[in-house]
C-alpha atoms as a PDB file:
ATOM      1  CA  MET A   1     -13.253 237.880 -90.306  1.00  0.00           C
ATOM      2  CA  MET A   2     -10.307 237.578 -92.769  1.00  0.00           C
ATOM      3  CA  LYS A   3      -7.309 239.201 -90.344  1.00  0.00           C
ATOM      4  CA  LYS A   4      -8.545 236.586 -87.349  1.00  0.00           C
ATOM      5  CA  LEU A   5      -8.978 233.653 -89.306  1.00  0.00           C
ATOM      6  CA  THR A   6      -6.654 230.679 -90.364  1.00  0.00           C
ATOM      7  CA  ILE A   7      -7.341 227.307 -92.011  1.00  0.00           C
ATOM      8  CA  LEU A   8      -5.081 225.595 -89.369  1.00  0.00           C
ATOM      9  CA  VAL A   9      -2.165 227.371 -88.237  1.00  0.00           C
ATOM     10  CA  MET A  10       4.131 228.481 -90.309  1.00  0.00           C
ATOM     11  CA  LEU A  11       3.889 232.975 -84.844  1.00  0.00           C
ATOM     12  CA  ALA A  12      -0.976 242.377 -81.079  1.00  0.00           C
ATOM     13  CA  LEU A  13      -2.295 249.327 -77.252  1.00  0.00           C
ATOM     14  CA  LEU A  14      -3.831 251.362 -74.965  1.00  0.00           C
ATOM     15  CA  LEU A  15      -5.667 248.414 -73.406  1.00  0.00           C
ATOM     16  CA  ALA A  16      -3.247 245.707 -74.245  1.00  0.00           C
ATOM     17  CA  ALA A  17      -2.406 244.492 -70.901  1.00  0.00           C
ATOM     18  CA  CYS A  18      -5.625 242.759 -70.909  1.00  0.00           C
ATOM     19  CA  GLY A  19      -5.056 241.437 -74.267  1.00  0.00           C
ATOM     20  CA  THR A  20      -8.312 241.664 -75.772  1.00  0.00           C
ATOM     21  CA  THR A  21     -10.670 244.588 -77.511  1.00  0.00           C
ATOM     22  CA  THR A  22     -12.600 246.103 -74.995  1.00  0.00           C
ATOM     23  CA  LYS A  23     -15.994 247.776 -75.777  1.00  0.00           C
ATOM     24  CA  GLN A  24     -15.637 251.420 -74.329  1.00  0.00           C
ATOM     25  CA  THR A  25     -18.246 253.881 -73.357  1.00  0.00           C
ATOM     26  CA  ASP A  26     -18.148 257.578 -73.062  1.00  0.00           C
ATOM     27  CA  ASP A  27     -19.043 259.908 -69.855  1.00  0.00           C
ATOM     28  CA  ASP A  28     -22.660 259.578 -70.614  1.00  0.00           C
ATOM     29  CA  GLY A  29     -22.565 255.337 -70.675  1.00  0.00           C
ATOM     30  CA  ASN A  30     -23.002 255.613 -74.444  1.00  0.00           C
ATOM     31  CA  SER A  31     -21.400 252.724 -76.451  1.00  0.00           C
ATOM     32  CA  ALA A  32     -17.940 254.108 -77.590  1.00  0.00           C
ATOM     33  CA  VAL A  33     -16.063 253.352 -80.862  1.00  0.00           C
ATOM     34  CA  ASN A  34     -13.791 250.152 -80.630  1.00  0.00           C
ATOM     35  CA  GLN A  35     -10.101 250.678 -80.355  1.00  0.00           C
ATOM     36  CA  ALA A  36      -7.553 247.902 -81.666  1.00  0.00           C
ATOM     37  CA  THR A  37      -4.980 246.807 -78.891  1.00  0.00           C
ATOM     38  CA  ALA A  38      -1.491 246.615 -79.375  1.00  0.00           C
ATOM     39  CA  VAL A  39      -1.823 242.814 -78.552  1.00  0.00           C
ATOM     40  CA  GLU A  40      -4.650 242.236 -81.251  1.00  0.00           C
ATOM     41  CA  ALA A  41      -2.382 243.928 -83.861  1.00  0.00           C
ATOM     42  CA  ILE A  42       0.687 241.404 -82.880  1.00  0.00           C
ATOM     43  CA  GLU A  43      -1.880 238.130 -83.106  1.00  0.00           C
ATOM     44  CA  VAL A  44      -2.900 239.596 -86.736  1.00  0.00           C
ATOM     45  CA  THR A  45       0.818 240.229 -88.259  1.00  0.00           C
ATOM     46  CA  GLU A  46       1.780 236.796 -86.365  1.00  0.00           C
ATOM     47  CA  GLU A  47      -0.715 234.567 -87.846  1.00  0.00           C
ATOM     48  CA  PRO A  48       0.390 232.375 -90.900  1.00  0.00           C
ATOM     49  CA  THR A  49      -1.114 233.106 -94.510  1.00  0.00           C
ATOM     50  CA  GLN A  50      -4.932 233.291 -93.773  1.00  0.00           C
ATOM     51  CA  SER A  51      -5.443 231.386 -96.963  1.00  0.00           C
ATOM     52  CA  GLY A  52      -3.755 228.307 -95.200  1.00  0.00           C
ATOM     53  CA  GLY A  53      -0.994 227.635 -98.025  1.00  0.00           C
ATOM     54  CA  GLU A  54       1.596 227.909 -95.207  1.00  0.00           C
ATOM     55  CA  ASP A  55       0.089 225.082 -93.535  1.00  0.00           C
ATOM     56  CA  VAL A  56      -0.212 222.920 -96.659  1.00  0.00           C
ATOM     57  CA  GLU A  57       3.292 223.523 -97.474  1.00  0.00           C
ATOM     58  CA  ASN A  58       4.559 222.630 -93.634  1.00  0.00           C
ATOM     59  CA  ASP A  59       2.460 219.447 -93.489  1.00  0.00           C
ATOM     60  CA  LEU A  60       4.274 218.114 -96.513  1.00  0.00           C
ATOM     61  CA  LEU A  61       7.818 219.256 -95.438  1.00  0.00           C
ATOM     62  CA  LEU A  62       6.955 217.500 -92.268  1.00  0.00           C
ATOM     63  CA  ASP A  63       6.062 214.207 -93.662  1.00  0.00           C
ATOM     64  CA  ASP A  64       8.845 211.923 -93.243  1.00  0.00           C
ATOM     65  CA  GLU A  65       7.371 209.190 -95.657  1.00  0.00           C
ATOM     66  CA  LEU A  66       6.807 211.850 -98.450  1.00  0.00           C
ATOM     67  CA  ASP A  67      10.750 211.770 -99.060  1.00  0.00           C
ATOM     68  CA  LEU A  68      11.036 215.209-100.892  1.00  0.00           C
ATOM     69  CA  GLY A  69      14.656 215.267-100.685  1.00  0.00           C
ATOM     70  CA  LEU A  70      14.910 218.564 -99.395  1.00  0.00           C
ATOM     71  CA  PRO A  71      17.463 219.957 -97.259  1.00  0.00           C
ATOM     72  CA  SER A  72      16.545 219.181 -93.534  1.00  0.00           C
ATOM     73  CA  ASP A  73      15.745 221.542 -90.965  1.00  0.00           C
ATOM     74  CA  PHE A  74      18.689 222.094 -88.735  1.00  0.00           C
ATOM     75  CA  MET A  75      19.288 224.109 -85.448  1.00  0.00           C
ATOM     76  CA  PRO A  76      22.632 225.915 -86.441  1.00  0.00           C
ATOM     77  CA  MET A  77      22.892 227.520 -82.755  1.00  0.00           C
ATOM     78  CA  PRO A  78      22.457 225.831 -79.375  1.00  0.00           C
ATOM     79  CA  ALA A  79      20.341 228.478 -78.281  1.00  0.00           C
ATOM     80  CA  MET A  80      17.757 227.963 -81.277  1.00  0.00           C
ATOM     81  CA  GLU A  81      15.391 225.746 -79.700  1.00  0.00           C
ATOM     82  CA  GLY A  82      15.163 228.390 -76.615  1.00  0.00           C
ATOM     83  CA  PHE A  83      14.340 230.832 -79.490  1.00  0.00           C
ATOM     84  CA  LEU A  84      11.623 229.246 -80.737  1.00  0.00           C
ATOM     85  CA  ALA A  85       9.911 228.387 -77.534  1.00  0.00           C
ATOM     86  CA  VAL A  86       9.642 232.359 -76.961  1.00  0.00           C
ATOM     87  CA  PHE A  87       8.591 232.945 -80.686  1.00  0.00           C
ATOM     88  CA  ASP A  88       5.722 230.161 -79.639  1.00  0.00           C
ATOM     89  CA  SER A  89       4.455 231.807 -76.504  1.00  0.00           C
ATOM     90  CA  PRO A  90       1.037 233.588 -77.284  1.00  0.00           C
ATOM     91  CA  ILE A  91       1.328 237.361 -77.180  1.00  0.00           C
ATOM     92  CA  GLY A  92      -1.512 237.413 -74.676  1.00  0.00           C
ATOM     93  CA  GLU A  93       0.596 235.910 -72.105  1.00  0.00           C
ATOM     94  CA  TRP A  94       3.064 238.870 -72.217  1.00  0.00           C
ATOM     95  CA  ASP A  95       2.994 242.167 -70.364  1.00  0.00           C
ATOM     96  CA  CYS A  96       2.494 244.756 -73.260  1.00  0.00           C
ATOM     97  CA  SER A  97       1.283 247.647 -70.595  1.00  0.00           C
ATOM     98  CA  GLU A  98       4.092 249.835 -71.818  1.00  0.00           C
ATOM     99  CA  SER A  99       3.343 249.551 -75.365  1.00  0.00           C
ATOM    100  CA  THR A 100       1.418 252.844 -76.465  1.00  0.00           C
ATOM    101  CA  VAL A 101      -0.097 253.947 -79.856  1.00  0.00           C
ATOM    102  CA  SER A 102      -0.453 256.709 -82.210  1.00  0.00           C
ATOM    103  CA  GLY A 103      -2.881 257.692 -85.147  1.00  0.00           C
ATOM    104  CA  ASN A 104      -6.120 256.320 -85.473  1.00  0.00           C
ATOM    105  CA  ALA A 105      -6.797 253.274 -83.701  1.00  0.00           C
ATOM    106  CA  THR A 106     -10.608 252.727 -84.396  1.00  0.00           C
ATOM    107  CA  ASP A 107     -11.532 249.417 -85.174  1.00  0.00           C
ATOM    108  CA  ALA A 108     -15.426 249.781 -85.993  1.00  0.00           C
ATOM    109  CA  ASP A 109     -15.629 246.162 -87.284  1.00  0.00           C
ATOM    110  CA  ASP A 110     -14.087 244.642 -84.662  1.00  0.00           C
ATOM    111  CA  ASP A 111     -11.583 242.976 -86.472  1.00  0.00           C
ATOM    112  CA  GLY A 112      -8.330 243.741 -84.751  1.00  0.00           C
ATOM    113  CA  ILE A 113      -7.135 245.904 -87.219  1.00  0.00           C
ATOM    114  CA  ALA A 114      -6.994 249.904 -86.747  1.00  0.00           C
ATOM    115  CA  VAL A 115      -7.934 252.476 -89.149  1.00  0.00           C
ATOM    116  CA  ASN A 116      -4.251 253.702 -89.621  1.00  0.00           C
ATOM    117  CA  ALA A 117      -2.252 253.522 -86.142  1.00  0.00           C
ATOM    118  CA  THR A 118       1.373 252.792 -85.080  1.00  0.00           C
ATOM    119  CA  TYR A 119       2.035 250.946 -82.292  1.00  0.00           C
ATOM    120  CA  ASN A 120       5.123 251.298 -80.084  1.00  0.00           C
ATOM    121  CA  ILE A 121       5.715 247.753 -78.924  1.00  0.00           C
ATOM    122  CA  LYS A 122       7.221 247.470 -75.367  1.00  0.00           C
ATOM    123  CA  CYS A 123       6.182 244.116 -74.071  1.00  0.00           C
ATOM    124  CA  SER A 124       7.999 241.483 -71.612  1.00  0.00           C
ATOM    125  CA  LYS A 125       7.602 238.005 -70.359  1.00  0.00           C
ATOM    126  CA  SER A 126       9.796 235.500 -67.724  1.00  0.00           C
ATOM    127  CA  PHE A 127      11.038 232.181 -69.106  1.00  0.00           C
ATOM    128  CA  ALA A 128      11.934 229.378 -66.995  1.00  0.00           C
ATOM    129  CA  SER A 129      14.207 226.507 -68.160  1.00  0.00           C
ATOM    130  CA  LEU A 130      14.988 227.361 -71.585  1.00  0.00           C
ATOM    131  CA  PRO A 131      17.314 225.501 -73.389  1.00  0.00           C
ATOM    132  CA  MET A 132      20.022 228.263 -73.724  1.00  0.00           C
ATOM    133  CA  VAL A 133      20.042 229.158 -70.206  1.00  0.00           C
ATOM    134  CA  GLY A 134      18.403 226.740 -68.211  1.00  0.00           C
ATOM    135  CA  ASP A 135      17.260 228.911 -65.797  1.00  0.00           C
ATOM    136  CA  VAL A 136      14.691 231.965 -65.480  1.00  0.00           C
ATOM    137  CA  ILE A 137      15.071 234.877 -67.745  1.00  0.00           C
ATOM    138  CA  THR A 138      13.315 237.806 -69.159  1.00  0.00           C
ATOM    139  CA  VAL A 139      12.637 238.883 -72.482  1.00  0.00           C
ATOM    140  CA  GLU A 140      11.638 242.093 -73.924  1.00  0.00           C
ATOM    141  CA  ARG A 141      10.057 242.439 -77.427  1.00  0.00           C
ATOM    142  CA  THR A 142      10.312 246.173 -78.485  1.00  0.00           C
ATOM    143  CA  GLY A 143       9.912 247.773 -81.537  1.00  0.00           C
ATOM    144  CA  THR A 144       7.472 249.671 -84.035  1.00  0.00           C
ATOM    145  CA  LEU A 145       4.385 247.947 -85.713  1.00  0.00           C
ATOM    146  CA  THR A 146       1.913 249.690 -88.218  1.00  0.00           C
ATOM    147  CA  MET A 147      -1.638 248.534 -89.018  1.00  0.00           C
ATOM    148  CA  LYS A 148      -3.959 250.104 -91.879  1.00  0.00           C
ATOM    149  CA  ASP A 149      -7.176 248.716 -92.513  1.00  0.00           C
ATOM    150  CA  ALA A 150      -8.454 248.664 -96.167  1.00  0.00           C
ATOM    151  CA  ASP A 151     -12.220 249.147 -94.898  1.00  0.00           C
ATOM    152  CA  ASP A 152     -13.356 249.530 -91.322  1.00  0.00           C
ATOM    153  CA  ASP A 153     -16.740 248.656 -92.139  1.00  0.00           C
ATOM    154  CA  ASP A 154     -15.756 245.387 -93.558  1.00  0.00           C
ATOM    155  CA  PRO A 155     -14.363 242.997 -91.410  1.00  0.00           C
ATOM    156  CA  THR A 156     -13.373 240.734 -94.450  1.00  0.00           C
ATOM    157  CA  SER A 157     -11.186 243.291 -96.138  1.00  0.00           C
ATOM    158  CA  GLY A 158      -7.821 243.475 -96.668  1.00  0.00           C
ATOM    159  CA  TYR A 159      -4.943 245.321 -94.630  1.00  0.00           C
ATOM    160  CA  THR A 160      -1.254 246.388 -94.892  1.00  0.00           C
ATOM    161  CA  SER A 161       0.973 246.176 -91.898  1.00  0.00           C
ATOM    162  CA  THR A 162       4.883 246.658 -91.477  1.00  0.00           C
ATOM    163  CA  GLY A 163       6.944 245.761 -88.330  1.00  0.00           C
ATOM    164  CA  ASP A 164      10.833 245.880 -87.054  1.00  0.00           C
ATOM    165  CA  ILE A 165      10.527 244.163 -83.690  1.00  0.00           C
ATOM    166  CA  THR A 166      13.716 242.862 -81.608  1.00  0.00           C
ATOM    167  CA  PHE A 167      13.474 240.215 -78.755  1.00  0.00           C
ATOM    168  CA  THR A 168      16.168 241.039 -76.245  1.00  0.00           C
ATOM    169  CA  TYR A 169      17.085 238.293 -73.727  1.00  0.00           C
ATOM    170  CA  LEU A 170      18.230 240.479 -70.378  1.00  0.00           C
ATOM    171  CA  ASP A 171      21.387 239.617 -69.071  1.00  0.00           C
ATOM    172  CA  GLU A 172      22.518 237.324 -71.920  1.00  0.00           C
ATOM    173  CA  SER A 173      24.342 237.756 -75.484  1.00  0.00           C
ATOM    174  CA  PHE A 174      21.206 236.753 -77.301  1.00  0.00           C
ATOM    175  CA  THR A 175      18.874 238.671 -79.775  1.00  0.00           C
ATOM    176  CA  THR A 176      16.517 238.203 -82.267  1.00  0.00           C
ATOM    177  CA  GLN A 177      15.074 240.920 -84.796  1.00  0.00           C
ATOM    178  CA  HIS A 178      12.012 240.245 -87.024  1.00  0.00           C
ATOM    179  CA  GLN A 179      11.493 242.556 -89.828  1.00  0.00           C
ATOM    180  CA  PHE A 180       8.086 241.973 -91.756  1.00  0.00           C
ATOM    181  CA  SER A 181       5.426 243.284 -94.232  1.00  0.00           C
ATOM    182  CA  ARG A 182       2.099 242.244 -95.007  1.00  0.00           C
ATOM    183  CA  LYS A 183      -0.339 243.509 -97.641  1.00  0.00           C
ATOM    184  CA  TRP A 184      -3.905 241.995 -98.423  1.00  0.00           C
ATOM    185  CA  THR A 185      -6.387 243.362-100.760  1.00  0.00           C
ATOM    186  CA  GLY A 186      -9.694 242.198-101.881  1.00  0.00           C
ATOM    187  CA  ASN A 187     -12.438 241.147 -99.563  1.00  0.00           C
ATOM    188  CA  ALA A 188     -14.497 237.564 -99.235  1.00  0.00           C
ATOM    189  CA  THR A 189     -16.938 238.405-102.144  1.00  0.00           C
ATOM    190  CA  SER A 190     -14.046 239.597-104.493  1.00  0.00           C
ATOM    191  CA  GLY A 191     -11.532 237.062-103.396  1.00  0.00           C
ATOM    192  CA  TYR A 192      -7.944 238.109-102.205  1.00  0.00           C
ATOM    193  CA  SER A 193      -4.108 238.659-103.473  1.00  0.00           C
ATOM    194  CA  TYR A 194      -1.667 239.228-100.859  1.00  0.00           C
ATOM    195  CA  GLN A 195       2.145 239.568-100.369  1.00  0.00           C
ATOM    196  CA  HIS A 196       4.192 238.779 -97.188  1.00  0.00           C
ATOM    197  CA  SER A 197       7.573 238.976 -96.549  1.00  0.00           C
ATOM    198  CA  ASP A 198       9.533 237.967 -92.904  1.00  0.00           C
ATOM    199  CA  ALA A 199      13.161 238.571 -92.225  1.00  0.00           C
ATOM    200  CA  TRP A 200      14.164 236.624 -88.968  1.00  0.00           C
ATOM    201  CA  THR A 201      17.818 237.221 -87.660  1.00  0.00           C
ATOM    202  CA  TRP A 202      19.234 235.204 -84.616  1.00  0.00           C
ATOM    203  CA  THR A 203      22.431 235.754 -82.725  1.00  0.00           C
ATOM    204  CA  ALA A 204      23.998 234.231 -80.111  1.00  0.00           C
ATOM    205  CA  GLY A 205      27.722 235.579 -79.286  1.00  0.00           C
ATOM    206  CA  ASP A 206      29.495 235.443 -82.656  1.00  0.00           C
ATOM    207  CA  MET A 207      27.092 233.059 -84.458  1.00  0.00           C
ATOM    208  CA  SER A 208      23.852 234.116 -86.376  1.00  0.00           C
ATOM    209  CA  TYR A 209      21.008 232.299 -88.486  1.00  0.00           C
ATOM    210  CA  LYS A 210      18.829 234.534 -90.591  1.00  0.00           C
ATOM    211  CA  VAL A 211      15.749 232.925 -92.451  1.00  0.00           C
ATOM    212  CA  GLU A 212      13.874 235.219 -95.172  1.00  0.00           C
ATOM    213  CA  HIS A 213      10.466 234.204 -95.987  1.00  0.00           C
ATOM    214  CA  SER A 214       8.453 235.731 -99.154  1.00  0.00           C
ATOM    215  CA  HIS A 215       5.352 234.461-100.566  1.00  0.00           C
ATOM    216  CA  ALA A 216       2.363 236.161-102.746  1.00  0.00           C
ATOM    217  CA  GLY A 217      -0.513 234.506-104.313  1.00  0.00           C
ATOM    218  CA  ASN A 218      -4.379 235.061-104.817  1.00  0.00           C
ATOM    219  CA  TYR A 219      -7.151 233.212-103.203  1.00  0.00           C
ATOM    220  CA  SER A 220     -10.613 232.686-104.210  1.00  0.00           C
ATOM    221  CA  PRO A 221     -13.129 231.466-101.579  1.00  0.00           C
ATOM    222  CA  ASP A 222     -16.012 229.086-102.510  1.00  0.00           C
ATOM    223  CA  ASP A 223     -18.105 230.664-100.053  1.00  0.00           C
ATOM    224  CA  ALA A 224     -18.023 234.544 -99.145  1.00  0.00           C
ATOM    225  CA  GLU A 225     -20.039 233.593 -95.830  1.00  0.00           C
ATOM    226  CA  LYS A 226     -17.384 231.118 -94.898  1.00  0.00           C
ATOM    227  CA  PRO A 227     -14.353 232.591 -96.809  1.00  0.00           C
ATOM    228  CA  PHE A 228     -11.697 230.375 -95.337  1.00  0.00           C
ATOM    229  CA  ASP A 229     -13.100 227.176 -95.231  1.00  0.00           C
ATOM    230  CA  ALA A 230     -12.403 226.033 -98.601  1.00  0.00           C
ATOM    231  CA  GLY A 231     -11.361 228.152-101.729  1.00  0.00           C
ATOM    232  CA  GLN A 232      -8.672 227.826-104.702  1.00  0.00           C
ATOM    233  CA  LEU A 233      -5.206 229.212-103.838  1.00  0.00           C
ATOM    234  CA  ARG A 234      -2.421 230.239-106.365  1.00  0.00           C
ATOM    235  CA  GLU A 235       0.909 231.387-104.627  1.00  0.00           C
ATOM    236  CA  GLU A 236       4.441 231.691-105.097  1.00  0.00           C
ATOM    237  CA  ALA A 237       6.950 231.040-102.009  1.00  0.00           C
ATOM    238  CA  GLU A 238      10.634 231.214-101.064  1.00  0.00           C
ATOM    239  CA  VAL A 239      12.769 230.739 -98.132  1.00  0.00           C
ATOM    240  CA  LYS A 240      16.278 230.975 -97.957  1.00  0.00           C
ATOM    241  CA  HIS A 241      18.602 230.035 -94.876  1.00  0.00           C
ATOM    242  CA  TYR A 242      21.619 232.064 -93.773  1.00  0.00           C
ATOM    243  CA  VAL A 243      24.307 230.862 -91.364  1.00  0.00           C
ATOM    244  CA  ASP A 244      26.996 233.634 -90.139  1.00  0.00           C
ATOM    245  CA  GLY A 245      26.100 235.444 -93.394  1.00  0.00           C
ATOM    246  CA  SER A 246      26.484 232.786 -95.936  1.00  0.00           C
ATOM    247  CA  LEU A 247      23.755 230.912 -97.740  1.00  0.00           C
ATOM    248  CA  ALA A 248      22.826 227.681 -96.578  1.00  0.00           C
ATOM    249  CA  HIS A 249      19.912 226.724 -98.763  1.00  0.00           C
ATOM    250  CA  ASP A 250      17.195 228.203-100.868  1.00  0.00           C
ATOM    251  CA  VAL A 251      13.692 226.470-100.963  1.00  0.00           C
ATOM    252  CA  SER A 252      10.965 227.564-103.381  1.00  0.00           C
ATOM    253  CA  GLU A 253       7.455 226.574-104.014  1.00  0.00           C
ATOM    254  CA  VAL A 254       4.752 227.123-106.428  1.00  0.00           C
ATOM    255  CA  ALA A 255       0.925 226.067-105.390  1.00  0.00           C
ATOM    256  CA  ASP A 256      -2.479 225.675-107.359  1.00  0.00           C
ATOM    257  CA  VAL A 257      -4.471 223.778-104.973  1.00  0.00           C
ATOM    258  CA  HIS A 258      -8.005 223.870-103.713  1.00  0.00           C
ATOM    259  CA  LEU A 259      -7.968 224.239-100.178  1.00  0.00           C
ATOM    260  CA  ASN A 260     -10.413 222.159 -97.512  1.00  0.00           C
ATOM    261  CA  LYS A 261      -9.701 222.925 -93.853  1.00  0.00           C
ATOM    262  CA  ALA A 262     -11.727 219.696 -93.132  1.00  0.00           C
ATOM    263  CA  CYS A 263      -8.721 218.126 -94.406  1.00  0.00           C
ATOM    264  CA  SER A 264      -5.336 217.373 -93.130  1.00  0.00           C
ATOM    265  CA  PRO A 265      -3.011 218.607 -94.968  1.00  0.00           C
ATOM    266  CA  ALA A 266      -5.756 221.484 -95.927  1.00  0.00           C
ATOM    267  CA  ALA A 267      -6.115 220.437 -99.513  1.00  0.00           C
ATOM    268  CA  ASP A 268      -8.073 218.086-101.770  1.00  0.00           C
ATOM    269  CA  ASP A 269      -6.959 219.013-105.063  1.00  0.00           C
ATOM    270  CA  GLY A 270      -4.419 220.493-107.243  1.00  0.00           C
ATOM    271  CA  GLU A 271      -0.339 220.329-107.104  1.00  0.00           C
ATOM    272  CA  VAL A 272       2.435 221.916-105.230  1.00  0.00           C
ATOM    273  CA  THR A 273       6.075 222.180-106.552  1.00  0.00           C
ATOM    274  CA  PHE A 274       9.215 222.388-104.463  1.00  0.00           C
ATOM    275  CA  SER A 275      12.499 223.157-105.939  1.00  0.00           C
ATOM    276  CA  TRP A 276      15.689 223.785-103.923  1.00  0.00           C
ATOM    277  CA  LYS A 277      19.481 224.090-104.048  1.00  0.00           C
ATOM    278  CA  VAL A 278      22.128 224.206-101.338  1.00  0.00           C
ATOM    279  CA  GLY A 279      24.514 227.234-100.931  1.00  0.00           C
ATOM    280  CA  ASP A 280      25.347 228.857-103.968  1.00  0.00           C
ATOM    281  CA  SER A 281      25.140 225.658-106.231  1.00  0.00           C
ATOM    282  CA  VAL A 282      23.601 226.333-109.481  1.00  0.00           C
ATOM    283  CA  VAL A 283      21.916 222.337-109.351  1.00  0.00           C
ATOM    284  CA  VAL A 284      18.230 222.984-108.509  1.00  0.00           C
ATOM    285  CA  ASN A 285      16.232 219.818-107.731  1.00  0.00           C
ATOM    286  CA  GLU A 286      12.585 219.462-107.819  1.00  0.00           C
ATOM    287  CA  GLU A 287       9.832 217.410-106.586  1.00  0.00           C
ATOM    288  CA  THR A 288       5.587 217.863-107.440  1.00  0.00           C
ATOM    289  CA  VAL A 289       3.116 216.854-104.913  1.00  0.00           C
ATOM    290  CA  VAL A 290      -0.305 216.189-106.419  1.00  0.00           C
ATOM    291  CA  PHE A 291      -3.362 216.127-104.233  1.00  0.00           C
ATOM    292  CA  THR A 292      -6.266 213.258-105.268  1.00  0.00           C
ATOM    293  CA  GLY A 293      -8.699 213.799-102.456  1.00  0.00           C
ATOM    294  CA  CYS A 294      -9.248 215.025 -98.814  1.00  0.00           C
ATOM    295  CA  GLY A 295      -5.844 215.066 -97.345  1.00  0.00           C
ATOM    296  CA  GLU A 296      -4.790 212.366 -99.987  1.00  0.00           C
ATOM    297  CA  TYR A 297      -1.215 213.054-101.997  1.00  0.00           C
ATOM    298  CA  HIS A 298       1.473 211.649-103.721  1.00  0.00           C
ATOM    299  CA  LEU A 299       4.830 212.318-105.437  1.00  0.00           C
ATOM    300  CA  LYS A 300       4.162 213.417-109.156  1.00  0.00           C
END
């Protein structure tokens, strides 16, 4: 099922309270058409790129011994660790019972993608001992999310989705906004092309931190029966970090790798090139990582 599978990991209505897709019956007890819930819609859109490209990228960036020389990750706001803890919390643990849906939420192929529906998201959860408050705080996530399945008879088909979600930390001066779009075309037999864009904006008092992430590419599975076990990935991606409205650093990535979920990182051949610049500098630094076997790699 293309929309529910990932190779590894770079965070889903009417039945959302239970957090699952439920097979319904009509008044005569006959099986009714499945409906995609808000919880499922959120789960699908918060998955990383199903091709696994983000997994490989993140593993390389987190390898201290690789020494790519990239700008180190930083927490520009004191509340950032608390924000991240909220985003890492599975949507199934949130109360989304007040969410509603309009349009056609039919999900005949049970892949979590509605035929063509708009979800009015309203979820909440209480968190204890977050770094920014140290006490119990309730967070609300509200906004709109659209889902459209390319082929509701094929669970491996592509889909399109857009969203504008706000996280509000009650009784605190913290907010987060997540705007995104997803587009996958193709299927497990033909291969896929995809385009993703995300913009996260965190605010705490008079401070703000924004991350813009875009990536697009093509993925060709080795085996249509197990499309995300292995395949060839070609993609380009860019991540921009802004602090209080000013560009802090800009990192780009170009990958042409053979993915293999049995490996860690999940690749066994090909190259990934990272390039970056700090602030508005015209100086661009670049490093290329070469895969020479299952999870084996070195700088070119």
